[in-house]
Protein backbone atom coordinates (compact mmCIF):
# COMPACT_ATOMS: atom_id res chain seq x y z
CA MET A 1 12.86 11.23 5.56
CA THR A 2 9.28 11.37 3.04
CA THR A 3 8.61 8.75 1.20
CA VAL A 4 10.30 10.02 -2.65
CA MET A 5 13.09 10.21 0.01
CA VAL A 6 13.50 7.01 0.95
CA ALA A 7 12.28 5.68 -2.36
CA THR A 8 15.53 7.44 -3.89
CA TYR A 9 17.97 6.22 -0.68
CA PHE A 10 16.49 2.53 -1.28
CA GLN A 11 16.89 3.10 -5.71
CA VAL A 12 13.03 2.11 -5.55
CA THR A 13 10.23 4.67 -7.33
CA ALA A 14 8.10 5.94 -4.70
CA GLU A 15 4.76 3.93 -5.81
CA ALA A 16 7.11 1.20 -5.25
CA VAL A 17 7.63 2.22 -1.32
CA ARG A 18 3.42 3.38 -1.61
CA GLN A 19 2.91 -0.40 -1.41
CA LEU A 20 5.23 -1.59 0.82
CA THR A 21 3.47 1.62 3.13
CA THR A 22 -0.05 0.28 2.12
CA ARG A 23 1.14 -3.27 3.20
CA HIS A 24 2.52 -2.78 6.17
CA ARG A 25 1.54 0.51 7.20
CA GLU A 26 0.76 -1.12 11.15
CA GLU A 27 4.11 -2.85 11.85
CA LEU A 28 5.42 0.81 10.39
CA GLU A 29 3.64 3.33 11.90
CA VAL A 30 4.68 1.28 15.06
CA ASN A 31 7.76 2.11 14.43
CA GLY A 32 7.47 5.68 13.42
CA MET A 33 5.86 6.31 10.21
CA THR A 34 3.27 9.02 10.33
CA VAL A 35 1.37 11.46 7.58
CA LEU A 36 1.15 14.92 8.12
CA ARG A 37 -2.39 16.37 7.96
CA GLY A 38 -3.81 20.27 8.28
CA ALA A 39 -1.51 21.91 11.30
CA ASP A 40 1.05 19.36 11.89
CA LEU A 41 0.97 19.84 7.05
CA ARG A 42 1.66 23.21 7.28
CA GLU A 43 3.63 23.28 10.26
CA PHE A 44 6.03 21.11 9.34
CA GLU A 45 6.16 22.55 5.46
CA SER A 46 6.31 25.75 7.10
CA ASP A 47 9.88 24.41 9.05
CA ASN A 48 11.36 22.87 6.43
CA MET A 49 10.38 26.04 4.09
CA SER A 50 12.63 27.90 5.75
CA LEU A 51 15.45 25.43 5.90
CA SER A 52 15.06 25.59 1.77
CA LEU A 53 14.28 28.30 -0.41
CA ALA A 54 14.84 26.02 -3.40
CA SER A 55 11.90 25.54 -3.87
CA TYR A 56 7.91 26.69 -3.00
CA PRO A 57 5.77 23.68 -1.68
CA GLN A 58 3.28 21.81 -3.79
CA ALA A 59 -0.57 22.18 -2.47
CA ARG A 60 -1.33 18.52 -0.71
CA ARG A 61 -3.05 17.17 2.18
CA SER A 62 -0.79 15.18 3.84
CA LEU A 63 2.75 13.68 3.55
CA THR A 64 4.88 10.71 5.14
CA ILE A 65 6.90 11.09 6.76
CA TYR A 66 9.31 8.02 8.00
CA SER A 67 11.46 8.31 11.41
CA ARG A 68 14.93 6.35 10.70
CA LEU A 69 13.21 3.01 12.58
CA ALA A 70 10.79 3.23 10.02
CA VAL A 71 13.84 3.53 7.08
CA LEU A 72 14.28 0.47 9.05
CA THR A 73 11.34 -1.74 8.21
CA SER A 74 10.96 -0.49 5.09
CA ALA A 75 14.83 -1.70 4.57
CA LEU A 76 13.79 -5.93 5.92
CA LEU A 77 9.81 -5.60 3.46
CA LEU A 78 11.37 -3.94 0.68
CA ARG A 79 12.48 -6.76 -2.03
CA ASP A 80 13.70 -5.06 -5.43
CA SER A 81 16.38 -2.93 -4.09
CA ASP A 82 19.96 -4.19 -3.91
CA ILE A 83 20.82 -1.68 -1.40
CA ALA A 84 17.68 -2.70 1.25
CA ARG A 85 19.20 -6.39 0.78
CA ARG A 86 23.52 -5.34 1.33
CA LEU A 87 21.20 -3.39 4.36
CA ARG A 88 19.13 -7.06 5.95
CA PRO A 89 22.29 -9.18 7.68
CA LEU A 90 23.37 -5.82 9.72
CA LEU A 91 19.93 -6.00 10.91
CA ASP A 92 19.61 -9.97 11.69
CA THR A 93 18.18 -10.78 14.82
CA GLN A 94 17.81 -14.47 14.17
CA GLY A 95 21.54 -15.03 13.28
CA ASP A 96 23.87 -16.37 15.39
CA ARG A 97 25.85 -13.69 15.82
CA GLU A 98 25.82 -9.93 17.05
CA PRO A 99 23.27 -7.61 14.99
CA ILE A 100 25.27 -4.23 14.17
CA VAL A 101 21.43 -1.66 14.76
CA SER A 102 21.33 -0.62 18.52
CA SER A 103 19.46 -2.88 21.21
CA TYR A 104 17.95 0.43 21.26
CA VAL A 105 16.64 -0.06 18.00
CA MET A 106 15.69 -3.68 18.45
CA THR A 107 13.43 -2.47 21.24
CA ARG A 108 11.26 -0.13 19.93
């Protein structure tokens, strides 16, 4: 997912996700967030352009993409999202009940 996709999913602004990324970059990168630049960005856009002919990609220097784990981490960190608020109890590993998220996600 891209920054805009994460923002849309959590019903917040792209700027809110960018600020979250700035404040928690290290944690999000450990959990799979990546900034694509140069050849990696061109390859990503080329692959995705072939899947969606709806629009021509805009010129840009970089693109931030989020793995599933980075999106779940964002849910734990976003304060002003009702969607994230509803997801947090399902991701809780401190409570006394078993979290719904798989053990694979918890150990990464």
